[in-house]
All heavy atoms as atom14 arrays in JSON, in Angstrom:
{
  "sequence": "ALGKHCAALGYPFTVDTTQKFREGSSFDMGDAAGQFAYIEDPDGTLI",
  "atom14_mask": [
    [1, 1, 1, 1, 1, 0, 0, 0, 0, 0, 0, 0, 0, 0],
    [1, 1, 1, 1, 1, 1, 1, 1, 0, 0, 0, 0, 0, 0],
    [1, 1, 1, 1, 0, 0, 0, 0, 0, 0, 0, 0, 0, 0],
    [1, 1, 1, 1, 1, 1, 1, 1, 1, 0, 0, 0, 0, 0],
    [1, 1, 1, 1, 1, 1, 1, 1, 1, 1, 0, 0, 0, 0],
    [1, 1, 1, 1, 1, 1, 0, 0, 0, 0, 0, 0, 0, 0],
    [1, 1, 1, 1, 1, 0, 0, 0, 0, 0, 0, 0, 0, 0],
    [1, 1, 1, 1, 1, 0, 0, 0, 0, 0, 0, 0, 0, 0],
    [1, 1, 1, 1, 1, 1, 1, 1, 0, 0, 0, 0, 0, 0],
    [1, 1, 1, 1, 0, 0, 0, 0, 0, 0, 0, 0, 0, 0],
    [1, 1, 1, 1, 1, 1, 1, 1, 1, 1, 1, 1, 0, 0],
    [1, 1, 1, 1, 1, 1, 1, 0, 0, 0, 0, 0, 0, 0],
    [1, 1, 1, 1, 1, 1, 1, 1, 1, 1, 1, 0, 0, 0],
    [1, 1, 1, 1, 1, 1, 1, 0, 0, 0, 0, 0, 0, 0],
    [1, 1, 1, 1, 1, 1, 1, 0, 0, 0, 0, 0, 0, 0],
    [1, 1, 1, 1, 1, 1, 1, 1, 0, 0, 0, 0, 0, 0],
    [1, 1, 1, 1, 1, 1, 1, 0, 0, 0, 0, 0, 0, 0],
    [1, 1, 1, 1, 1, 1, 1, 0, 0, 0, 0, 0, 0, 0],
    [1, 1, 1, 1, 1, 1, 1, 1, 1, 0, 0, 0, 0, 0],
    [1, 1, 1, 1, 1, 1, 1, 1, 1, 0, 0, 0, 0, 0],
    [1, 1, 1, 1, 1, 1, 1, 1, 1, 1, 1, 0, 0, 0],
    [1, 1, 1, 1, 1, 1, 1, 1, 1, 1, 1, 0, 0, 0],
    [1, 1, 1, 1, 1, 1, 1, 1, 1, 0, 0, 0, 0, 0],
    [1, 1, 1, 1, 0, 0, 0, 0, 0, 0, 0, 0, 0, 0],
    [1, 1, 1, 1, 1, 1, 0, 0, 0, 0, 0, 0, 0, 0],
    [1, 1, 1, 1, 1, 1, 0, 0, 0, 0, 0, 0, 0, 0],
    [1, 1, 1, 1, 1, 1, 1, 1, 1, 1, 1, 0, 0, 0],
    [1, 1, 1, 1, 1, 1, 1, 1, 0, 0, 0, 0, 0, 0],
    [1, 1, 1, 1, 1, 1, 1, 1, 0, 0, 0, 0, 0, 0],
    [1, 1, 1, 1, 0, 0, 0, 0, 0, 0, 0, 0, 0, 0],
    [1, 1, 1, 1, 1, 1, 1, 1, 0, 0, 0, 0, 0, 0],
    [1, 1, 1, 1, 1, 0, 0, 0, 0, 0, 0, 0, 0, 0],
    [1, 1, 1, 1, 1, 0, 0, 0, 0, 0, 0, 0, 0, 0],
    [1, 1, 1, 1, 0, 0, 0, 0, 0, 0, 0, 0, 0, 0],
    [1, 1, 1, 1, 1, 1, 1, 1, 1, 0, 0, 0, 0, 0],
    [1, 1, 1, 1, 1, 1, 1, 1, 1, 1, 1, 0, 0, 0],
    [1, 1, 1, 1, 1, 0, 0, 0, 0, 0, 0, 0, 0, 0],
    [1, 1, 1, 1, 1, 1, 1, 1, 1, 1, 1, 1, 0, 0],
    [1, 1, 1, 1, 1, 1, 1, 1, 0, 0, 0, 0, 0, 0],
    [1, 1, 1, 1, 1, 1, 1, 1, 1, 0, 0, 0, 0, 0],
    [1, 1, 1, 1, 1, 1, 1, 1, 0, 0, 0, 0, 0, 0],
    [1, 1, 1, 1, 1, 1, 1, 0, 0, 0, 0, 0, 0, 0],
    [1, 1, 1, 1, 1, 1, 1, 1, 0, 0, 0, 0, 0, 0],
    [1, 1, 1, 1, 0, 0, 0, 0, 0, 0, 0, 0, 0, 0],
    [1, 1, 1, 1, 1, 1, 1, 0, 0, 0, 0, 0, 0, 0],
    [1, 1, 1, 1, 1, 1, 1, 1, 0, 0, 0, 0, 0, 0],
    [1, 1, 1, 1, 1, 1, 1, 1, 0, 0, 0, 0, 0, 0]
  ],
  "atom14_positions": [
    [[-17.78, -0.01, 3.17], [-17.74, -1.37, 2.65], [-16.3, -1.85, 2.44], [-15.96, -3.0, 2.74], [-18.52, -1.46, 1.34], [0.0, 0.0, 0.0], [0.0, 0.0, 0.0], [0.0, 0.0, 0.0], [0.0, 0.0, 0.0], [0.0, 0.0, 0.0], [0.0, 0.0, 0.0], [0.0, 0.0, 0.0], [0.0, 0.0, 0.0], [0.0, 0.0, 0.0]],
    [[-15.45, -0.96, 1.95], [-14.05, -1.31, 1.76], [-13.39, -1.63, 3.09], [-12.63, -2.6, 3.21], [-13.31, -0.16, 1.06], [-11.81, -0.33, 0.88], [-11.46, -1.57, 0.08], [-11.21, 0.92, 0.21], [0.0, 0.0, 0.0], [0.0, 0.0, 0.0], [0.0, 0.0, 0.0], [0.0, 0.0, 0.0], [0.0, 0.0, 0.0], [0.0, 0.0, 0.0]],
    [[-13.68, -0.84, 4.11], [-13.1, -1.09, 5.43], [-13.48, -2.44, 5.98], [-12.66, -3.16, 6.56], [0.0, 0.0, 0.0], [0.0, 0.0, 0.0], [0.0, 0.0, 0.0], [0.0, 0.0, 0.0], [0.0, 0.0, 0.0], [0.0, 0.0, 0.0], [0.0, 0.0, 0.0], [0.0, 0.0, 0.0], [0.0, 0.0, 0.0], [0.0, 0.0, 0.0]],
    [[-14.74, -2.83, 5.8], [-15.19, -4.13, 6.28], [-14.5, -5.26, 5.53], [-14.13, -6.28, 6.12], [-16.71, -4.24, 6.13], [-17.49, -3.33, 7.08], [-18.99, -3.44, 6.84], [-19.77, -2.55, 7.79], [-21.24, -2.61, 7.53], [0.0, 0.0, 0.0], [0.0, 0.0, 0.0], [0.0, 0.0, 0.0], [0.0, 0.0, 0.0], [0.0, 0.0, 0.0]],
    [[-14.34, -5.07, 4.22], [-13.68, -6.1, 3.41], [-12.21, -6.25, 3.81], [-11.72, -7.38, 3.97], [-13.79, -5.71, 1.93], [-13.25, -6.73, 0.99], [-13.75, -8.0, 0.88], [-12.22, -6.66, 0.1], [-13.07, -8.67, -0.03], [-12.13, -7.88, -0.52], [0.0, 0.0, 0.0], [0.0, 0.0, 0.0], [0.0, 0.0, 0.0], [0.0, 0.0, 0.0]],
    [[-11.52, -5.13, 3.98], [-10.11, -5.19, 4.39], [-9.97, -5.88, 5.76], [-9.08, -6.72, 5.96], [-9.52, -3.78, 4.45], [-9.31, -2.99, 2.84], [0.0, 0.0, 0.0], [0.0, 0.0, 0.0], [0.0, 0.0, 0.0], [0.0, 0.0, 0.0], [0.0, 0.0, 0.0], [0.0, 0.0, 0.0], [0.0, 0.0, 0.0], [0.0, 0.0, 0.0]],
    [[-10.82, -5.51, 6.7], [-10.75, -6.09, 8.04], [-11.01, -7.59, 8.0], [-10.34, -8.38, 8.7], [-11.74, -5.39, 8.96], [0.0, 0.0, 0.0], [0.0, 0.0, 0.0], [0.0, 0.0, 0.0], [0.0, 0.0, 0.0], [0.0, 0.0, 0.0], [0.0, 0.0, 0.0], [0.0, 0.0, 0.0], [0.0, 0.0, 0.0], [0.0, 0.0, 0.0]],
    [[-11.98, -8.02, 7.18], [-12.31, -9.44, 7.08], [-11.14, -10.26, 6.54], [-11.0, -11.44, 6.87], [-13.55, -9.63, 6.21], [0.0, 0.0, 0.0], [0.0, 0.0, 0.0], [0.0, 0.0, 0.0], [0.0, 0.0, 0.0], [0.0, 0.0, 0.0], [0.0, 0.0, 0.0], [0.0, 0.0, 0.0], [0.0, 0.0, 0.0], [0.0, 0.0, 0.0]],
    [[-10.3, -9.63, 5.72], [-9.15, -10.32, 5.15], [-7.89, -10.17, 6.01], [-6.82, -10.64, 5.63], [-8.88, -9.8, 3.73], [-9.94, -10.15, 2.7], [-9.61, -9.51, 1.34], [-10.11, -11.65, 2.54], [0.0, 0.0, 0.0], [0.0, 0.0, 0.0], [0.0, 0.0, 0.0], [0.0, 0.0, 0.0], [0.0, 0.0, 0.0], [0.0, 0.0, 0.0]],
    [[-8.01, -9.51, 7.15], [-6.88, -9.37, 8.07], [-6.04, -8.14, 7.87], [-4.93, -8.04, 8.4], [0.0, 0.0, 0.0], [0.0, 0.0, 0.0], [0.0, 0.0, 0.0], [0.0, 0.0, 0.0], [0.0, 0.0, 0.0], [0.0, 0.0, 0.0], [0.0, 0.0, 0.0], [0.0, 0.0, 0.0], [0.0, 0.0, 0.0], [0.0, 0.0, 0.0]],
    [[-6.57, -7.15, 7.12], [-5.84, -5.91, 6.86], [-6.72, -4.71, 7.2], [-7.16, -3.97, 6.34], [-5.37, -5.85, 5.41], [-4.35, -6.92, 5.09], [-4.76, -8.16, 4.59], [-3.0, -6.71, 5.33], [-3.84, -9.17, 4.33], [-2.07, -7.7, 5.07], [-2.5, -8.93, 4.57], [-1.58, -9.92, 4.32], [0.0, 0.0, 0.0], [0.0, 0.0, 0.0]],
    [[-7.0, -4.5, 8.5], [-7.87, -3.4, 8.89], [-7.23, -2.04, 8.63], [-6.0, -1.93, 8.53], [-8.05, -3.63, 10.4], [-6.8, -4.34, 10.81], [-6.45, -5.23, 9.65], [0.0, 0.0, 0.0], [0.0, 0.0, 0.0], [0.0, 0.0, 0.0], [0.0, 0.0, 0.0], [0.0, 0.0, 0.0], [0.0, 0.0, 0.0], [0.0, 0.0, 0.0]],
    [[-8.07, -1.02, 8.5], [-7.56, 0.33, 8.35], [-6.69, 0.68, 9.55], [-7.08, 0.48, 10.69], [-8.7, 1.34, 8.26], [-9.51, 1.3, 6.99], [-10.72, 1.97, 6.91], [-9.06, 0.61, 5.87], [-11.47, 1.95, 5.73], [-9.79, 0.59, 4.7], [-11.01, 1.26, 4.63], [0.0, 0.0, 0.0], [0.0, 0.0, 0.0], [0.0, 0.0, 0.0]],
    [[-5.52, 1.24, 9.28], [-4.66, 1.73, 10.36], [-4.88, 3.22, 10.63], [-4.56, 3.72, 11.69], [-3.17, 1.49, 10.02], [-2.86, 2.16, 8.79], [-2.88, 0.0, 9.88], [0.0, 0.0, 0.0], [0.0, 0.0, 0.0], [0.0, 0.0, 0.0], [0.0, 0.0, 0.0], [0.0, 0.0, 0.0], [0.0, 0.0, 0.0], [0.0, 0.0, 0.0]],
    [[-5.4, 3.91, 9.61], [-5.85, 5.3, 9.72], [-7.2, 5.35, 9.01], [-7.34, 4.77, 7.94], [-4.87, 6.28, 9.07], [-5.45, 7.69, 9.02], [-3.53, 6.28, 9.81], [0.0, 0.0, 0.0], [0.0, 0.0, 0.0], [0.0, 0.0, 0.0], [0.0, 0.0, 0.0], [0.0, 0.0, 0.0], [0.0, 0.0, 0.0], [0.0, 0.0, 0.0]],
    [[-8.17, 6.04, 9.61], [-9.52, 6.06, 9.04], [-10.22, 7.35, 9.45], [-10.58, 7.51, 10.62], [-10.29, 4.84, 9.54], [-11.71, 4.77, 9.0], [-12.06, 5.61, 8.15], [-12.45, 3.87, 9.44], [0.0, 0.0, 0.0], [0.0, 0.0, 0.0], [0.0, 0.0, 0.0], [0.0, 0.0, 0.0], [0.0, 0.0, 0.0], [0.0, 0.0, 0.0]],
    [[-10.41, 8.25, 8.51], [-11.04, 9.53, 8.86], [-12.51, 9.36, 9.21], [-13.09, 10.25, 9.85], [-10.92, 10.55, 7.71], [-11.56, 10.02, 6.54], [-9.47, 10.87, 7.41], [0.0, 0.0, 0.0], [0.0, 0.0, 0.0], [0.0, 0.0, 0.0], [0.0, 0.0, 0.0], [0.0, 0.0, 0.0], [0.0, 0.0, 0.0], [0.0, 0.0, 0.0]],
    [[-13.14, 8.24, 8.83], [-14.54, 8.05, 9.18], [-14.71, 7.82, 10.68], [-15.82, 7.91, 11.2], [-15.18, 6.88, 8.4], [-14.57, 5.65, 8.8], [-15.03, 7.08, 6.92], [0.0, 0.0, 0.0], [0.0, 0.0, 0.0], [0.0, 0.0, 0.0], [0.0, 0.0, 0.0], [0.0, 0.0, 0.0], [0.0, 0.0, 0.0], [0.0, 0.0, 0.0]],
    [[-13.6, 7.51, 11.37], [-13.68, 7.36, 12.82], [-13.8, 8.71, 13.52], [-14.25, 8.79, 14.66], [-12.46, 6.6, 13.34], [-12.33, 5.2, 12.82], [-13.54, 4.35, 13.17], [-13.92, 4.23, 14.34], [-14.16, 3.76, 12.17], [0.0, 0.0, 0.0], [0.0, 0.0, 0.0], [0.0, 0.0, 0.0], [0.0, 0.0, 0.0], [0.0, 0.0, 0.0]],
    [[-13.38, 9.77, 12.85], [-13.48, 11.11, 13.42], [-14.65, 11.87, 12.83], [-15.29, 12.68, 13.49], [-12.18, 11.89, 13.18], [-12.18, 13.28, 13.82], [-10.81, 13.95, 13.72], [-10.83, 15.31, 14.4], [-9.51, 15.98, 14.34], [0.0, 0.0, 0.0], [0.0, 0.0, 0.0], [0.0, 0.0, 0.0], [0.0, 0.0, 0.0], [0.0, 0.0, 0.0]],
    [[-14.93, 11.6, 11.56], [-16.03, 12.27, 10.86], [-17.02, 11.19, 10.44], [-16.62, 10.2, 9.83], [-15.52, 13.02, 9.63], [-14.45, 14.02, 9.96], [-13.11, 13.67, 9.91], [-14.79, 15.31, 10.33], [-12.12, 14.59, 10.22], [-13.81, 16.24, 10.64], [-12.48, 15.88, 10.58], [0.0, 0.0, 0.0], [0.0, 0.0, 0.0], [0.0, 0.0, 0.0]],
    [[-18.27, 11.39, 10.76], [-19.25, 10.35, 10.49], [-19.23, 9.94, 9.01], [-18.89, 10.72, 8.14], [-20.66, 10.84, 10.87], [-21.15, 12.01, 10.03], [-22.56, 12.42, 10.44], [-22.98, 13.6, 9.69], [-23.44, 13.58, 8.46], [-23.53, 12.44, 7.82], [-23.82, 14.7, 7.85], [0.0, 0.0, 0.0], [0.0, 0.0, 0.0], [0.0, 0.0, 0.0]],
    [[-19.6, 8.7, 8.75], [-19.62, 8.17, 7.38], [-20.47, 9.07, 6.49], [-21.59, 9.45, 6.82], [-20.2, 6.75, 7.38], [-20.22, 6.1, 6.02], [-18.83, 5.82, 5.48], [-17.93, 5.59, 6.29], [-18.66, 5.86, 4.25], [0.0, 0.0, 0.0], [0.0, 0.0, 0.0], [0.0, 0.0, 0.0], [0.0, 0.0, 0.0], [0.0, 0.0, 0.0]],
    [[-19.89, 9.45, 5.34], [-20.59, 10.31, 4.4], [-20.25, 11.76, 4.53], [-20.48, 12.54, 3.62], [0.0, 0.0, 0.0], [0.0, 0.0, 0.0], [0.0, 0.0, 0.0], [0.0, 0.0, 0.0], [0.0, 0.0, 0.0], [0.0, 0.0, 0.0], [0.0, 0.0, 0.0], [0.0, 0.0, 0.0], [0.0, 0.0, 0.0], [0.0, 0.0, 0.0]],
    [[-19.68, 12.17, 5.69], [-19.25, 13.56, 5.84], [-17.88, 13.71, 5.23], [-17.24, 12.74, 4.82], [-19.24, 13.97, 7.31], [-18.3, 13.21, 8.04], [0.0, 0.0, 0.0], [0.0, 0.0, 0.0], [0.0, 0.0, 0.0], [0.0, 0.0, 0.0], [0.0, 0.0, 0.0], [0.0, 0.0, 0.0], [0.0, 0.0, 0.0], [0.0, 0.0, 0.0]],
    [[-17.38, 14.94, 5.17], [-16.15, 15.2, 4.44], [-15.04, 15.71, 5.34], [-15.28, 16.49, 6.26], [-16.4, 16.24, 3.32], [-17.27, 15.71, 2.35], [0.0, 0.0, 0.0], [0.0, 0.0, 0.0], [0.0, 0.0, 0.0], [0.0, 0.0, 0.0], [0.0, 0.0, 0.0], [0.0, 0.0, 0.0], [0.0, 0.0, 0.0], [0.0, 0.0, 0.0]],
    [[-13.84, 15.24, 5.04], [-12.63, 15.74, 5.67], [-12.06, 16.82, 4.76], [-11.92, 16.61, 3.55], [-11.63, 14.6, 5.86], [-10.32, 15.02, 6.44], [-10.2, 15.31, 7.79], [-9.19, 15.13, 5.64], [-8.99, 15.69, 8.32], [-7.97, 15.51, 6.17], [-7.87, 15.78, 7.53], [0.0, 0.0, 0.0], [0.0, 0.0, 0.0], [0.0, 0.0, 0.0]],
    [[-11.75, 17.98, 5.32], [-11.24, 19.1, 4.52], [-9.84, 18.78, 4.04], [-8.93, 18.55, 4.83], [-11.25, 20.37, 5.39], [-10.77, 21.6, 4.62], [-10.59, 21.5, 3.4], [-10.58, 22.65, 5.25], [0.0, 0.0, 0.0], [0.0, 0.0, 0.0], [0.0, 0.0, 0.0], [0.0, 0.0, 0.0], [0.0, 0.0, 0.0], [0.0, 0.0, 0.0]],
    [[-9.66, 18.79, 2.71], [-8.35, 18.54, 2.1], [-7.94, 19.74, 1.25], [-7.61, 19.62, 0.07], [-8.39, 17.24, 1.27], [-8.66, 16.01, 2.1], [-8.52, 14.46, 1.17], [-10.01, 14.51, 0.18], [0.0, 0.0, 0.0], [0.0, 0.0, 0.0], [0.0, 0.0, 0.0], [0.0, 0.0, 0.0], [0.0, 0.0, 0.0], [0.0, 0.0, 0.0]],
    [[-8.03, 20.92, 1.84], [-7.68, 22.13, 1.1], [-8.8, 22.51, 0.16], [-9.92, 22.79, 0.58], [0.0, 0.0, 0.0], [0.0, 0.0, 0.0], [0.0, 0.0, 0.0], [0.0, 0.0, 0.0], [0.0, 0.0, 0.0], [0.0, 0.0, 0.0], [0.0, 0.0, 0.0], [0.0, 0.0, 0.0], [0.0, 0.0, 0.0], [0.0, 0.0, 0.0]],
    [[-8.5, 22.52, -1.14], [-9.51, 22.85, -2.14], [-10.46, 21.7, -2.4], [-11.49, 21.87, -3.05], [-8.83, 23.25, -3.46], [-7.99, 24.5, -3.31], [-8.43, 25.42, -2.6], [-6.89, 24.54, -3.88], [0.0, 0.0, 0.0], [0.0, 0.0, 0.0], [0.0, 0.0, 0.0], [0.0, 0.0, 0.0], [0.0, 0.0, 0.0], [0.0, 0.0, 0.0]],
    [[-10.13, 20.53, -1.91], [-10.97, 19.35, -2.1], [-11.5, 18.89, -0.75], [-11.15, 19.41, 0.3], [-10.17, 18.24, -2.78], [0.0, 0.0, 0.0], [0.0, 0.0, 0.0], [0.0, 0.0, 0.0], [0.0, 0.0, 0.0], [0.0, 0.0, 0.0], [0.0, 0.0, 0.0], [0.0, 0.0, 0.0], [0.0, 0.0, 0.0], [0.0, 0.0, 0.0]],
    [[-12.37, 17.88, -0.8], [-12.92, 17.3, 0.42], [-13.25, 15.85, 0.17], [-13.53, 15.44, -0.96], [-14.16, 18.08, 0.88], [0.0, 0.0, 0.0], [0.0, 0.0, 0.0], [0.0, 0.0, 0.0], [0.0, 0.0, 0.0], [0.0, 0.0, 0.0], [0.0, 0.0, 0.0], [0.0, 0.0, 0.0], [0.0, 0.0, 0.0], [0.0, 0.0, 0.0]],
    [[-13.23, 15.05, 1.24], [-13.55, 13.64, 1.1], [-13.18, 12.88, 2.35], [-13.15, 13.43, 3.45], [0.0, 0.0, 0.0], [0.0, 0.0, 0.0], [0.0, 0.0, 0.0], [0.0, 0.0, 0.0], [0.0, 0.0, 0.0], [0.0, 0.0, 0.0], [0.0, 0.0, 0.0], [0.0, 0.0, 0.0], [0.0, 0.0, 0.0], [0.0, 0.0, 0.0]],
    [[-12.91, 11.61, 2.19], [-12.46, 10.74, 3.27], [-11.22, 9.99, 2.81], [-11.04, 9.74, 1.62], [-13.55, 9.73, 3.64], [-14.84, 10.33, 4.19], [-14.71, 10.78, 5.63], [-13.62, 10.77, 6.2], [-15.82, 11.17, 6.24], [0.0, 0.0, 0.0], [0.0, 0.0, 0.0], [0.0, 0.0, 0.0], [0.0, 0.0, 0.0], [0.0, 0.0, 0.0]],
    [[-10.36, 9.63, 3.77], [-9.22, 8.8, 3.4], [-8.95, 7.77, 4.48], [-9.36, 7.92, 5.64], [-7.96, 9.64, 3.11], [-7.35, 10.32, 4.3], [-6.43, 9.65, 5.11], [-7.65, 11.64, 4.61], [-5.84, 10.28, 6.2], [-7.07, 12.28, 5.68], [-6.16, 11.59, 6.49], [0.0, 0.0, 0.0], [0.0, 0.0, 0.0], [0.0, 0.0, 0.0]],
    [[-8.28, 6.71, 4.09], [-7.9, 5.64, 5.0], [-6.64, 4.97, 4.48], [-6.28, 5.13, 3.3], [-9.03, 4.62, 5.14], [0.0, 0.0, 0.0], [0.0, 0.0, 0.0], [0.0, 0.0, 0.0], [0.0, 0.0, 0.0], [0.0, 0.0, 0.0], [0.0, 0.0, 0.0], [0.0, 0.0, 0.0], [0.0, 0.0, 0.0], [0.0, 0.0, 0.0]],
    [[-5.97, 4.23, 5.36], [-4.75, 3.5, 4.99], [-4.83, 2.06, 5.48], [-5.43, 1.77, 6.52], [-3.52, 4.14, 5.64], [-3.0, 5.39, 4.97], [-3.63, 6.62, 5.18], [-1.88, 5.35, 4.15], [-3.15, 7.78, 4.58], [-1.39, 6.5, 3.55], [-2.02, 7.7, 3.77], [-1.54, 8.85, 3.18], [0.0, 0.0, 0.0], [0.0, 0.0, 0.0]],
    [[-4.2, 1.18, 4.72], [-3.85, -0.14, 5.21], [-2.36, -0.34, 4.97], [-1.72, 0.43, 4.25], [-4.65, -1.27, 4.51], [-4.36, -1.3, 3.0], [-6.14, -1.15, 4.8], [-4.93, -2.53, 2.29], [0.0, 0.0, 0.0], [0.0, 0.0, 0.0], [0.0, 0.0, 0.0], [0.0, 0.0, 0.0], [0.0, 0.0, 0.0], [0.0, 0.0, 0.0]],
    [[-1.82, -1.38, 5.57], [-0.44, -1.81, 5.31], [-0.47, -3.17, 4.64], [-1.29, -4.02, 4.99], [0.35, -1.91, 6.61], [0.53, -0.62, 7.37], [1.34, -0.81, 8.64], [1.85, -1.93, 8.86], [1.44, 0.16, 9.43], [0.0, 0.0, 0.0], [0.0, 0.0, 0.0], [0.0, 0.0, 0.0], [0.0, 0.0, 0.0], [0.0, 0.0, 0.0]],
    [[0.4, -3.37, 3.66], [0.53, -4.71, 3.09], [1.3, -5.58, 4.09], [1.7, -5.09, 5.16], [1.13, -4.65, 1.68], [2.64, -4.58, 1.64], [3.29, -4.43, 2.71], [3.21, -4.65, 0.53], [0.0, 0.0, 0.0], [0.0, 0.0, 0.0], [0.0, 0.0, 0.0], [0.0, 0.0, 0.0], [0.0, 0.0, 0.0], [0.0, 0.0, 0.0]],
    [[1.53, -6.86, 3.81], [2.18, -7.72, 4.81], [3.56, -7.25, 5.25], [4.04, -7.65, 6.33], [2.27, -9.08, 4.1], [1.17, -9.06, 3.11], [1.08, -7.64, 2.64], [0.0, 0.0, 0.0], [0.0, 0.0, 0.0], [0.0, 0.0, 0.0], [0.0, 0.0, 0.0], [0.0, 0.0, 0.0], [0.0, 0.0, 0.0], [0.0, 0.0, 0.0]],
    [[4.21, -6.39, 4.46], [5.55, -5.89, 4.81], [5.53, -4.45, 5.29], [6.58, -3.83, 5.43], [6.48, -6.04, 3.61], [6.65, -7.5, 3.2], [7.24, -8.25, 4.0], [6.18, -7.89, 2.12], [0.0, 0.0, 0.0], [0.0, 0.0, 0.0], [0.0, 0.0, 0.0], [0.0, 0.0, 0.0], [0.0, 0.0, 0.0], [0.0, 0.0, 0.0]],
    [[4.34, -3.92, 5.52], [4.23, -2.57, 6.07], [4.16, -1.46, 5.04], [4.13, -0.28, 5.41], [0.0, 0.0, 0.0], [0.0, 0.0, 0.0], [0.0, 0.0, 0.0], [0.0, 0.0, 0.0], [0.0, 0.0, 0.0], [0.0, 0.0, 0.0], [0.0, 0.0, 0.0], [0.0, 0.0, 0.0], [0.0, 0.0, 0.0], [0.0, 0.0, 0.0]],
    [[4.13, -1.78, 3.74], [4.01, -0.75, 2.72], [2.62, -0.12, 2.8], [1.61, -0.83, 2.89], [4.23, -1.35, 1.33], [5.56, -1.89, 1.27], [4.06, -0.3, 0.23], [0.0, 0.0, 0.0], [0.0, 0.0, 0.0], [0.0, 0.0, 0.0], [0.0, 0.0, 0.0], [0.0, 0.0, 0.0], [0.0, 0.0, 0.0], [0.0, 0.0, 0.0]],
    [[2.56, 1.21, 2.75], [1.3, 1.91, 2.93], [0.51, 1.99, 1.62], [1.03, 2.37, 0.57], [1.55, 3.32, 3.44], [2.0, 3.42, 4.91], [2.31, 4.88, 5.27], [0.94, 2.87, 5.84], [0.0, 0.0, 0.0], [0.0, 0.0, 0.0], [0.0, 0.0, 0.0], [0.0, 0.0, 0.0], [0.0, 0.0, 0.0], [0.0, 0.0, 0.0]],
    [[-0.76, 1.62, 1.72], [-1.73, 1.75, 0.64], [-2.78, 2.73, 1.13], [-3.39, 2.53, 2.19], [-2.41, 0.4, 0.29], [-1.36, -0.7, 0.06], [-3.34, 0.57, -0.89], [-0.47, -0.49, -1.12], [0.0, 0.0, 0.0], [0.0, 0.0, 0.0], [0.0, 0.0, 0.0], [0.0, 0.0, 0.0], [0.0, 0.0, 0.0], [0.0, 0.0, 0.0]]
  ]
}
């Protein structure tokens, strides 16, 4: 839902682990697991 909202406002994910791992599955982050994504603000700052 966040990805759709960001894209609708003109700030699509530039990195998105759900593109490699199906939605709801987990990306291994060492002792933790989850999903992550990034957007850039208008000046390229990473969120």
